[in-house]
Amino acid sequence: NNKAYNFFQVTNDKLGMAQVQGNLGKVYVENDNLVLAEEKYLEALELNKSIKNLEIEIQNLNNLGNLYLLIGEYDKSLEFLFKALAVAEIIGNLTTVHQVYKNLSAVYFELNEIEDAIYYRDLSFEVENSILDIEKTKAIAEIETKYKTEKKEKQILVLKLEKESIAKEKLEEEQKTRMTLLISSAVLGLII
């Protein structure tokens, strides 16, 4: 990942640099190297703040909150989680709000502040239900749109077939009329 970071650094791509640092932080957490994880998360956070990328900034804040929860620094954990929550609420990122509420519940549980733990757990459930409702509403809207589109396509096909049928009937009528005129002319020509 140093190669990736160096590439982004040479191209002055701060977003790329921040993503690399954030990913390295996750790897260090998985490998229980929490000191390096903290360093990488903090670097990613500063880079994202400098480019004002709020979406990834809240991920960095949430990751730091989780990291401090893991190492038992609950005050720091709460500090970063509440910062993540504030930004997530400002930009309307319900998925992160849900994650932060779950994390806040875990911190308060570790602090043995059960009332607060339950409060944030319940908020987490409420937001999760809201997310599911939004997803269901989107899915229903997509199905309705697909149904209406298919219905219109069928109507267009029916109209096209009707138009072709009418045109065919008209052509057959014209051909019958010509044939009748031709036969009538031939019969008249024979009679005369």
Protein backbone atom coordinates (compact mmCIF):
# COMPACT_ATOMS: atom_id res chain seq x y z
CA ASN A 1 0.00 0.00 0.00
CA ASN A 2 3.01 2.29 0.28
CA LYS A 3 3.23 2.18 -3.51
CA ALA A 4 -0.41 3.22 -3.77
CA TYR A 5 0.08 5.97 -1.21
CA ASN A 6 3.23 7.21 -2.99
CA PHE A 7 1.39 7.22 -6.32
CA PHE A 8 -1.44 9.32 -4.88
CA GLN A 9 1.08 11.57 -3.16
CA VAL A 10 2.96 12.21 -6.45
CA THR A 11 -0.33 13.00 -8.20
CA ASN A 12 -1.47 15.11 -5.21
CA ASP A 13 -4.62 12.98 -4.92
CA LYS A 14 -5.54 13.58 -1.28
CA LEU A 15 -8.70 11.50 -1.53
CA GLY A 16 -6.66 8.51 -2.74
CA MET A 17 -4.10 9.10 0.00
CA ALA A 18 -6.85 9.27 2.62
CA GLN A 19 -8.46 6.06 1.37
CA VAL A 20 -5.14 4.22 1.49
CA GLN A 21 -4.48 5.42 5.06
CA GLY A 22 -8.00 4.48 6.14
CA ASN A 23 -7.65 1.02 4.60
CA LEU A 24 -4.27 0.57 6.28
CA GLY A 25 -5.90 1.53 9.57
CA LYS A 26 -8.46 -1.26 9.11
CA VAL A 27 -5.73 -3.76 8.30
CA TYR A 28 -3.79 -2.76 11.41
CA VAL A 29 -6.93 -3.17 13.55
CA GLU A 30 -7.47 -6.66 12.12
CA ASN A 31 -3.84 -7.48 12.96
CA ASP A 32 -4.16 -6.02 16.48
CA ASN A 33 -1.62 -3.28 15.78
CA LEU A 34 -3.82 -0.59 17.31
CA VAL A 35 -1.08 2.05 17.64
CA LEU A 36 -0.43 2.05 13.88
CA ALA A 37 -4.18 1.82 13.22
CA GLU A 38 -4.72 5.01 15.23
CA GLU A 39 -1.91 6.76 13.33
CA LYS A 40 -3.35 5.80 9.92
CA TYR A 41 -6.93 6.71 10.91
CA LEU A 42 -5.80 10.13 12.16
CA GLU A 43 -3.83 10.76 8.95
CA ALA A 44 -6.85 9.75 6.85
CA LEU A 45 -9.07 12.04 8.92
CA GLU A 46 -6.78 15.05 8.42
CA LEU A 47 -6.55 14.42 4.67
CA ASN A 48 -10.33 14.16 4.37
CA LYS A 49 -10.82 17.32 6.42
CA SER A 50 -8.40 19.17 4.10
CA ILE A 51 -10.46 18.24 1.03
CA LYS A 52 -13.79 18.55 2.87
CA ASN A 53 -14.91 15.01 1.99
CA LEU A 54 -17.59 14.60 4.63
CA GLU A 55 -18.71 11.11 3.56
CA ILE A 56 -15.31 9.57 4.17
CA GLU A 57 -14.56 11.89 7.09
CA ILE A 58 -17.47 10.39 9.04
CA GLN A 59 -16.11 6.91 8.30
CA ASN A 60 -12.74 8.01 9.72
CA LEU A 61 -14.41 9.47 12.82
CA ASN A 62 -16.47 6.32 13.31
CA ASN A 63 -13.40 4.11 12.81
CA LEU A 64 -11.51 6.13 15.43
CA GLY A 65 -14.47 5.84 17.79
CA ASN A 66 -14.44 2.06 17.34
CA LEU A 67 -10.68 1.91 17.80
CA TYR A 68 -10.83 3.81 21.09
CA LEU A 69 -13.67 1.53 22.20
CA LEU A 70 -11.41 -1.48 21.50
CA ILE A 71 -8.56 -0.08 23.57
CA GLY A 72 -10.82 1.06 26.38
CA GLU A 73 -10.40 4.82 25.91
CA TYR A 74 -14.11 5.45 26.23
CA ASP A 75 -13.98 9.25 26.51
CA LYS A 76 -12.04 9.48 23.25
CA SER A 77 -14.40 6.95 21.71
CA LEU A 78 -17.42 9.05 22.65
CA GLU A 79 -15.71 12.21 21.37
CA PHE A 80 -15.11 10.77 17.91
CA LEU A 81 -18.44 8.97 17.72
CA PHE A 82 -20.37 12.14 18.57
CA LYS A 83 -18.38 14.04 15.93
CA ALA A 84 -19.22 11.31 13.41
CA LEU A 85 -22.87 11.48 14.44
CA ALA A 86 -23.01 15.27 14.02
CA VAL A 87 -21.54 15.14 10.51
CA ALA A 88 -23.66 12.14 9.49
CA GLU A 89 -26.83 13.95 10.63
CA ILE A 90 -25.82 17.12 8.77
CA ILE A 91 -25.38 15.31 5.47
CA GLY A 92 -28.26 12.91 6.09
CA ASN A 93 -26.24 9.68 5.97
CA LEU A 94 -28.65 7.34 7.77
CA THR A 95 -26.41 4.29 7.37
CA THR A 96 -23.63 5.96 9.34
CA VAL A 97 -26.09 7.39 11.89
CA HIS A 98 -27.25 3.81 12.44
CA GLN A 99 -23.66 2.54 12.83
CA VAL A 100 -22.72 5.34 15.21
CA TYR A 101 -25.78 4.73 17.39
CA LYS A 102 -24.80 1.04 17.64
CA ASN A 103 -21.25 2.03 18.56
CA LEU A 104 -22.44 4.57 21.14
CA SER A 105 -24.60 1.87 22.67
CA ALA A 106 -21.55 -0.40 22.91
CA VAL A 107 -19.45 2.32 24.58
CA TYR A 108 -22.13 3.11 27.14
CA PHE A 109 -22.54 -0.61 27.81
CA GLU A 110 -18.78 -0.86 28.51
CA LEU A 111 -19.09 2.17 30.82
CA ASN A 112 -21.93 0.32 32.57
CA GLU A 113 -24.28 3.20 31.73
CA ILE A 114 -27.06 0.84 30.79
CA GLU A 115 -29.77 3.49 30.37
CA ASP A 116 -27.69 5.32 27.74
CA ALA A 117 -26.70 2.01 26.13
CA ILE A 118 -30.37 1.08 25.74
CA TYR A 119 -31.24 4.57 24.51
CA TYR A 120 -28.69 4.45 21.67
CA ARG A 121 -29.53 0.83 20.88
CA ASP A 122 -33.19 1.82 20.49
CA LEU A 123 -32.23 4.79 18.29
CA SER A 124 -30.15 2.38 16.21
CA PHE A 125 -33.21 0.16 15.70
CA GLU A 126 -35.37 3.15 14.76
CA VAL A 127 -32.89 4.35 12.15
CA GLU A 128 -32.46 0.80 10.83
CA ASN A 129 -36.24 0.57 10.39
CA SER A 130 -36.25 3.94 8.62
CA ILE A 131 -33.54 2.73 6.25
CA LEU A 132 -35.54 -0.44 5.54
CA ASP A 133 -38.69 1.63 4.93
CA ILE A 134 -36.81 3.87 2.50
CA GLU A 135 -35.39 0.83 0.69
CA LYS A 136 -38.85 -0.76 0.49
CA THR A 137 -40.34 2.47 -0.84
CA LYS A 138 -37.61 2.67 -3.50
CA ALA A 139 -38.14 -0.96 -4.45
CA ILE A 140 -41.90 -0.43 -4.75
CA ALA A 141 -41.36 2.68 -6.87
CA GLU A 142 -38.98 0.75 -9.15
CA ILE A 143 -41.52 -2.07 -9.54
CA GLU A 144 -44.30 0.42 -10.29
CA THR A 145 -42.13 2.19 -12.86
CA LYS A 146 -41.22 -1.14 -14.47
CA TYR A 147 -44.89 -2.18 -14.54
CA LYS A 148 -45.99 1.13 -16.07
CA THR A 149 -43.20 0.96 -18.64
CA GLU A 150 -44.11 -2.60 -19.61
CA LYS A 151 -47.79 -1.65 -19.76
CA LYS A 152 -47.03 1.30 -22.07
CA GLU A 153 -44.79 -0.88 -24.24
CA LYS A 154 -47.62 -3.42 -24.56
CA GLN A 155 -50.09 -0.65 -25.40
CA ILE A 156 -47.72 0.67 -28.06
CA LEU A 157 -47.32 -2.84 -29.48
CA VAL A 158 -51.10 -3.35 -29.53
CA LEU A 159 -51.61 0.00 -31.26
CA LYS A 160 -48.87 -0.83 -33.76
CA LEU A 161 -50.46 -4.21 -34.50
CA GLU A 162 -53.89 -2.59 -34.82
CA LYS A 163 -52.45 0.02 -37.17
CA GLU A 164 -50.76 -2.69 -39.24
CA SER A 165 -53.99 -4.70 -39.29
CA ILE A 166 -56.01 -1.66 -40.40
CA ALA A 167 -53.43 -0.87 -43.06
CA LYS A 168 -53.53 -4.50 -44.27
CA GLU A 169 -57.35 -4.47 -44.39
CA LYS A 170 -57.29 -1.17 -46.25
CA LEU A 171 -54.78 -2.57 -48.75
CA GLU A 172 -56.90 -5.70 -49.21
CA GLU A 173 -60.00 -3.52 -49.76
CA GLU A 174 -58.12 -1.44 -52.32
CA GLN A 175 -56.93 -4.60 -54.05
CA LYS A 176 -60.49 -5.99 -54.08
CA THR A 177 -61.77 -2.70 -55.45
CA ARG A 178 -59.11 -2.69 -58.20
CA MET A 179 -59.82 -6.34 -58.99
CA THR A 180 -63.56 -5.62 -59.15
CA LEU A 181 -62.90 -2.63 -61.43
CA LEU A 182 -60.55 -4.69 -63.57
CA ILE A 183 -63.03 -7.54 -63.90
CA SER A 184 -65.89 -5.13 -64.51
CA SER A 185 -63.85 -3.37 -67.19
CA ALA A 186 -62.93 -6.69 -68.77
CA VAL A 187 -66.57 -7.86 -68.75
CA LEU A 188 -67.70 -4.51 -70.16
CA GLY A 189 -64.97 -4.74 -72.78
CA LEU A 190 -66.21 -8.18 -73.80
CA ILE A 191 -69.80 -7.03 -73.92
CA ILE A 192 -69.00 -4.01 -76.01
